[in-house]
Amino acid sequence: EIIYADKGRARIEAVTSSPRALEGGRPTAVNLGETHPWLESNQGHEMAAVIERNATKSADGQTRTLANTNAYEPGEDSV
């Protein structure tokens, strides 16, 4: 789903859970929702790395990221 704002100049877009599909994007803001289950075994670490790389590609390096999570399991190695 895509939500447009500011007469089409801005948008909020839900994206895939596949890190490969996100590679190369240039976001201006990213909300990382519920990162506690992002594990190595389900490509969560790769997803976080792709988002970080994409954030550095934005114009003037101005991308903002915000991670939201519930309580994580200690020792689980989530993002």
Protein backbone atom coordinates (compact mmCIF):
# COMPACT_ATOMS: atom_id res chain seq x y z
CA GLU A 1 0.00 0.00 0.00
CA ILE A 2 1.19 3.53 -0.79
CA ILE A 3 -0.15 6.65 0.91
CA TYR A 4 0.51 9.94 -0.90
CA ALA A 5 0.80 13.37 0.74
CA ASP A 6 1.78 16.93 -0.12
CA LYS A 7 0.04 16.83 -3.52
CA GLY A 8 1.90 13.67 -4.53
CA ARG A 9 5.39 14.91 -3.61
CA ALA A 10 5.66 12.62 -0.57
CA ARG A 11 4.60 9.07 0.12
CA ILE A 12 4.54 6.39 2.78
CA GLU A 13 5.09 2.96 1.33
CA ALA A 14 4.94 -0.45 2.97
CA VAL A 15 7.66 -2.64 1.51
CA THR A 16 8.56 -6.29 1.14
CA SER A 17 10.32 -8.33 3.78
CA SER A 18 12.96 -9.38 1.24
CA PRO A 19 16.34 -7.64 1.69
CA ARG A 20 17.26 -8.20 -1.97
CA ALA A 21 14.12 -6.43 -3.18
CA LEU A 22 14.99 -3.35 -1.10
CA GLU A 23 18.63 -3.07 -2.19
CA GLY A 24 19.43 0.25 -3.86
CA GLY A 25 16.58 2.36 -2.51
CA ARG A 26 17.11 5.95 -1.37
CA PRO A 27 14.62 6.59 1.42
CA THR A 28 14.30 9.84 3.34
CA ALA A 29 12.87 8.19 6.47
CA VAL A 30 12.55 4.57 7.57
CA ASN A 31 10.46 3.15 10.41
CA LEU A 32 11.78 -0.28 11.39
CA GLY A 33 8.77 -1.92 13.01
CA GLU A 34 9.10 -4.69 15.58
CA THR A 35 12.80 -5.48 15.18
CA HIS A 36 12.97 -7.95 18.08
CA PRO A 37 12.24 -10.94 15.78
CA TRP A 38 14.79 -9.79 13.16
CA LEU A 39 17.29 -12.64 13.50
CA GLU A 40 20.15 -13.99 11.40
CA SER A 41 18.06 -17.11 10.69
CA ASN A 42 15.23 -15.14 9.03
CA GLN A 43 17.40 -12.58 7.18
CA GLY A 44 16.73 -9.90 9.80
CA HIS A 45 20.40 -8.94 10.06
CA GLU A 46 20.68 -8.72 6.26
CA MET A 47 17.52 -6.57 6.15
CA ALA A 48 18.97 -4.17 8.74
CA ALA A 49 22.24 -3.96 6.78
CA VAL A 50 20.43 -3.19 3.49
CA ILE A 51 18.38 -0.47 5.17
CA GLU A 52 21.53 1.06 6.66
CA ARG A 53 23.31 1.01 3.28
CA ASN A 54 20.31 2.53 1.53
CA ALA A 55 20.06 5.26 4.17
CA THR A 56 23.63 6.37 3.43
CA LYS A 57 22.77 6.72 -0.28
CA SER A 58 20.11 9.38 0.24
CA ALA A 59 20.60 12.95 -0.87
CA ASP A 60 23.03 14.67 1.51
CA GLY A 61 22.93 11.65 3.84
CA GLN A 62 19.82 13.02 5.54
CA THR A 63 17.82 9.80 5.98
CA ARG A 64 16.29 9.27 9.41
CA THR A 65 15.68 5.80 10.81
CA LEU A 66 13.60 4.82 13.81
CA ALA A 67 13.45 1.29 15.23
CA ASN A 68 10.44 0.26 17.30
CA THR A 69 10.42 -2.96 19.26
CA ASN A 70 8.95 -4.81 22.19
CA ALA A 71 11.09 -6.60 24.76
CA TYR A 72 13.69 -8.79 23.08
CA GLU A 73 14.98 -12.16 24.28
CA PRO A 74 18.46 -11.71 25.78
CA GLY A 75 20.97 -13.81 23.86
CA GLU A 76 18.70 -14.21 20.84
CA ASP A 77 20.88 -11.87 18.72
CA SER A 78 18.02 -9.86 17.27
CA VAL A 79 18.62 -6.57 15.49
